[in-house]
Amino acid sequence: MYYPYFIAYMVIGFAISLIVFFWALSRGQFKDQERARFLALEDERPTCRVKVSRFNRYEAYALGALVLLGLAATGAVLLFALLFGGKP
């Protein structure tokens, strides 16, 4: 009885995961893999301050909105399944 709701929820989650993965791929998040493995060993921290642009701020807000939307969807699916799933 719960299967269609959970399958739809998993498909939507997978689609969002693919969108975020391809977004990160197009923004160059995976370009320098050789340097990435040594970042944990570096003691130096960059001294210059990075100025946050308005676009980057909007990206952070959009990511937060996606997290809240995902949590709301989880709650809605669970609530719907508990309220209407047990009735034949």
N, C-alpha and C. Protein backbone atom coordinates (compact mmCIF):
# COMPACT_ATOMS: atom_id res chain seq x y z
N MET A 1 0.81 -1.17 0.00
CA MET A 1 0.00 0.00 0.00
C MET A 1 0.87 1.26 0.00
N TYR A 2 2.02 1.22 0.67
CA TYR A 2 2.90 2.38 0.74
C TYR A 2 3.80 2.51 -0.48
N TYR A 3 3.90 1.48 -1.28
CA TYR A 3 4.91 1.43 -2.32
C TYR A 3 4.85 2.57 -3.32
N PRO A 4 3.70 2.95 -3.86
CA PRO A 4 3.71 4.04 -4.86
C PRO A 4 4.23 5.36 -4.29
N TYR A 5 3.94 5.65 -3.03
CA TYR A 5 4.40 6.89 -2.43
C TYR A 5 5.91 6.89 -2.24
N PHE A 6 6.42 5.80 -1.73
CA PHE A 6 7.85 5.74 -1.49
C PHE A 6 8.64 5.65 -2.79
N ILE A 7 8.12 4.97 -3.79
CA ILE A 7 8.80 4.91 -5.09
C ILE A 7 8.83 6.30 -5.72
N ALA A 8 7.72 7.03 -5.66
CA ALA A 8 7.70 8.39 -6.19
C ALA A 8 8.68 9.28 -5.42
N TYR A 9 8.72 9.13 -4.12
CA TYR A 9 9.64 9.90 -3.29
C TYR A 9 11.09 9.60 -3.64
N MET A 10 11.42 8.33 -3.86
CA MET A 10 12.78 7.95 -4.22
C MET A 10 13.14 8.45 -5.60
N VAL A 11 12.22 8.40 -6.55
CA VAL A 11 12.49 8.89 -7.91
C VAL A 11 12.74 10.39 -7.89
N ILE A 12 11.95 11.14 -7.13
CA ILE A 12 12.15 12.59 -7.03
C ILE A 12 13.50 12.89 -6.38
N GLY A 13 13.85 12.17 -5.34
CA GLY A 13 15.14 12.35 -4.69
C GLY A 13 16.30 12.03 -5.61
N PHE A 14 16.16 10.98 -6.40
CA PHE A 14 17.21 10.61 -7.35
C PHE A 14 17.35 11.68 -8.43
N ALA A 15 16.24 12.21 -8.91
CA ALA A 15 16.28 13.26 -9.93
C ALA A 15 16.96 14.51 -9.38
N ILE A 16 16.65 14.89 -8.15
CA ILE A 16 17.30 16.06 -7.55
C ILE A 16 18.80 15.80 -7.37
N SER A 17 19.16 14.58 -6.99
CA SER A 17 20.57 14.24 -6.84
C SER A 17 21.31 14.34 -8.16
N LEU A 18 20.70 13.89 -9.24
CA LEU A 18 21.33 14.00 -10.55
C LEU A 18 21.48 15.46 -10.98
N ILE A 19 20.48 16.27 -10.70
CA ILE A 19 20.57 17.70 -11.05
C ILE A 19 21.72 18.36 -10.30
N VAL A 20 21.84 18.08 -9.01
CA VAL A 20 22.92 18.67 -8.22
C VAL A 20 24.27 18.15 -8.68
N PHE A 21 24.37 16.88 -9.02
CA PHE A 21 25.63 16.32 -9.50
C PHE A 21 26.06 16.98 -10.80
N PHE A 22 25.16 17.12 -11.76
CA PHE A 22 25.53 17.73 -13.03
C PHE A 22 25.81 19.23 -12.88
N TRP A 23 25.15 19.87 -11.92
CA TRP A 23 25.46 21.27 -11.63
C TRP A 23 26.90 21.38 -11.11
N ALA A 24 27.28 20.50 -10.18
CA ALA A 24 28.64 20.52 -9.63
C ALA A 24 29.66 20.18 -10.70
N LEU A 25 29.31 19.28 -11.59
CA LEU A 25 30.21 18.91 -12.67
C LEU A 25 30.43 20.08 -13.62
N SER A 26 29.38 20.82 -13.93
CA SER A 26 29.53 21.95 -14.84
C SER A 26 30.24 23.13 -14.18
N ARG A 27 30.19 23.24 -12.85
CA ARG A 27 30.86 24.33 -12.14
C ARG A 27 32.33 24.00 -11.85
N GLY A 28 32.79 22.80 -12.24
CA GLY A 28 34.20 22.46 -12.07
C GLY A 28 34.57 21.97 -10.69
N GLN A 29 33.65 21.38 -9.97
CA GLN A 29 33.93 20.92 -8.62
C GLN A 29 34.86 19.70 -8.59
N PHE A 30 34.96 18.97 -9.69
CA PHE A 30 35.74 17.73 -9.72
C PHE A 30 36.96 17.84 -10.62
N LYS A 31 37.41 19.07 -10.94
CA LYS A 31 38.50 19.23 -11.90
C LYS A 31 39.85 18.79 -11.36
N ASP A 32 40.22 19.23 -10.18
CA ASP A 32 41.58 19.01 -9.69
C ASP A 32 41.60 17.94 -8.61
N GLN A 33 41.57 16.70 -9.02
CA GLN A 33 41.54 15.60 -8.06
C GLN A 33 42.90 15.33 -7.43
N GLU A 34 43.99 15.66 -8.13
CA GLU A 34 45.32 15.43 -7.57
C GLU A 34 45.58 16.36 -6.38
N ARG A 35 45.16 17.61 -6.48
CA ARG A 35 45.36 18.57 -5.39
C ARG A 35 44.43 18.27 -4.21
N ALA A 36 43.26 17.75 -4.49
CA ALA A 36 42.25 17.54 -3.45
C ALA A 36 42.71 16.54 -2.39
N ARG A 37 43.50 15.56 -2.78
CA ARG A 37 43.89 14.56 -1.78
C ARG A 37 44.94 15.07 -0.80
N PHE A 38 45.61 16.17 -1.14
CA PHE A 38 46.62 16.72 -0.24
C PHE A 38 46.13 17.92 0.55
N LEU A 39 44.91 18.36 0.36
CA LEU A 39 44.41 19.53 1.07
C LEU A 39 44.34 19.32 2.58
N ALA A 40 44.08 18.12 3.02
CA ALA A 40 44.00 17.86 4.47
C ALA A 40 45.37 17.93 5.12
N LEU A 41 46.45 17.77 4.35
CA LEU A 41 47.79 17.78 4.92
C LEU A 41 48.40 19.18 5.00
N GLU A 42 47.80 20.16 4.35
CA GLU A 42 48.34 21.51 4.34
C GLU A 42 48.05 22.22 5.66
N ASP A 43 49.06 22.92 6.17
CA ASP A 43 48.89 23.69 7.39
C ASP A 43 48.47 25.13 7.11
N GLU A 44 48.81 25.61 5.95
CA GLU A 44 48.52 27.00 5.61
C GLU A 44 47.04 27.20 5.33
N ARG A 45 46.58 28.33 5.77
CA ARG A 45 45.22 28.73 5.45
C ARG A 45 45.32 30.00 4.63
N PRO A 46 44.46 30.15 3.69
CA PRO A 46 44.53 31.38 2.89
C PRO A 46 44.25 32.61 3.75
N THR A 47 45.06 33.64 3.59
CA THR A 47 44.92 34.84 4.41
C THR A 47 43.96 35.85 3.80
N CYS A 48 43.75 35.79 2.52
CA CYS A 48 42.86 36.77 1.90
C CYS A 48 41.40 36.36 2.13
N ARG A 49 40.59 37.37 2.31
CA ARG A 49 39.16 37.13 2.52
C ARG A 49 38.47 37.03 1.18
N VAL A 50 37.61 36.08 1.08
CA VAL A 50 36.87 35.90 -0.15
C VAL A 50 35.58 36.70 -0.05
N LYS A 51 35.37 37.54 -1.04
CA LYS A 51 34.15 38.34 -1.05
C LYS A 51 33.02 37.49 -1.63
N VAL A 52 31.94 37.41 -0.89
CA VAL A 52 30.78 36.63 -1.32
C VAL A 52 29.93 37.50 -2.22
N SER A 53 29.76 37.03 -3.43
CA SER A 53 28.95 37.80 -4.37
C SER A 53 27.46 37.56 -4.11
N ARG A 54 26.66 38.37 -4.71
CA ARG A 54 25.21 38.25 -4.55
C ARG A 54 24.73 36.92 -5.14
N PHE A 55 25.35 36.49 -6.26
CA PHE A 55 24.95 35.24 -6.89
C PHE A 55 25.25 34.05 -5.98
N ASN A 56 26.41 34.06 -5.32
CA ASN A 56 26.75 32.96 -4.41
C ASN A 56 25.82 32.93 -3.21
N ARG A 57 25.39 34.10 -2.76
CA ARG A 57 24.45 34.16 -1.66
C ARG A 57 23.12 33.55 -2.08
N TYR A 58 22.68 33.84 -3.31
CA TYR A 58 21.43 33.26 -3.79
C TYR A 58 21.54 31.75 -3.95
N GLU A 59 22.72 31.27 -4.33
CA GLU A 59 22.92 29.82 -4.42
C GLU A 59 22.77 29.17 -3.04
N ALA A 60 23.30 29.81 -2.02
CA ALA A 60 23.17 29.27 -0.66
C ALA A 60 21.72 29.27 -0.22
N TYR A 61 20.99 30.34 -0.53
CA TYR A 61 19.57 30.37 -0.19
C TYR A 61 18.79 29.30 -0.94
N ALA A 62 19.13 29.09 -2.22
CA ALA A 62 18.44 28.06 -3.01
C ALA A 62 18.72 26.67 -2.44
N LEU A 63 19.96 26.43 -2.02
CA LEU A 63 20.29 25.13 -1.43
C LEU A 63 19.54 24.92 -0.12
N GLY A 64 19.45 25.95 0.69
CA GLY A 64 18.68 25.85 1.93
C GLY A 64 17.21 25.59 1.66
N ALA A 65 16.68 26.26 0.62
CA ALA A 65 15.28 26.03 0.25
C ALA A 65 15.06 24.60 -0.23
N LEU A 66 16.03 24.04 -0.96
CA LEU A 66 15.91 22.64 -1.40
C LEU A 66 15.93 21.68 -0.21
N VAL A 67 16.76 21.98 0.77
CA VAL A 67 16.81 21.13 1.97
C VAL A 67 15.48 21.18 2.70
N LEU A 68 14.95 22.38 2.88
CA LEU A 68 13.66 22.50 3.56
C LEU A 68 12.53 21.85 2.77
N LEU A 69 12.59 21.98 1.45
CA LEU A 69 11.58 21.34 0.60
C LEU A 69 11.66 19.82 0.71
N GLY A 70 12.88 19.28 0.76
CA GLY A 70 13.05 17.84 0.93
C GLY A 70 12.53 17.35 2.27
N LEU A 71 12.80 18.11 3.33
CA LEU A 71 12.29 17.72 4.64
C LEU A 71 10.77 17.80 4.69
N ALA A 72 10.20 18.83 4.05
CA ALA A 72 8.75 18.94 4.00
C ALA A 72 8.13 17.80 3.21
N ALA A 73 8.78 17.41 2.11
CA ALA A 73 8.28 16.29 1.31
C ALA A 73 8.35 14.98 2.10
N THR A 74 9.42 14.81 2.85
CA THR A 74 9.54 13.61 3.69
C THR A 74 8.42 13.55 4.71
N GLY A 75 8.19 14.66 5.37
CA GLY A 75 7.11 14.70 6.36
C GLY A 75 5.75 14.48 5.73
N ALA A 76 5.52 15.06 4.55
CA ALA A 76 4.23 14.90 3.88
C ALA A 76 3.99 13.46 3.46
N VAL A 77 5.02 12.81 2.92
CA VAL A 77 4.87 11.41 2.50
C VAL A 77 4.61 10.51 3.70
N LEU A 78 5.36 10.72 4.77
CA LEU A 78 5.16 9.89 5.95
C LEU A 78 3.79 10.12 6.59
N LEU A 79 3.39 11.38 6.66
CA LEU A 79 2.08 11.68 7.22
C LEU A 79 0.95 11.09 6.38
N PHE A 80 1.05 11.22 5.07
CA PHE A 80 0.04 10.66 4.18
C PHE A 80 -0.01 9.15 4.29
N ALA A 81 1.17 8.52 4.34
CA ALA A 81 1.21 7.07 4.45
C ALA A 81 0.64 6.59 5.78
N LEU A 82 0.89 7.32 6.85
CA LEU A 82 0.35 6.91 8.14
C LEU A 82 -1.15 7.13 8.24
N LEU A 83 -1.62 8.21 7.65
CA LEU A 83 -3.06 8.51 7.76
C LEU A 83 -3.93 7.67 6.82
N PHE A 84 -3.46 7.48 5.60
CA PHE A 84 -4.30 6.85 4.58
C PHE A 84 -3.80 5.49 4.12
N GLY A 85 -2.64 5.06 4.57
CA GLY A 85 -2.07 3.81 4.09
C GLY A 85 -2.64 2.57 4.72
N GLY A 86 -3.16 2.66 5.90
CA GLY A 86 -3.64 1.47 6.60
C GLY A 86 -5.07 1.09 6.26
N LYS A 87 -5.77 1.95 5.56
CA LYS A 87 -7.17 1.66 5.23
C LYS A 87 -7.25 0.87 3.93
N PRO A 88 -8.00 -0.24 3.93
CA PRO A 88 -8.10 -1.04 2.71
C PRO A 88 -8.99 -0.44 1.66
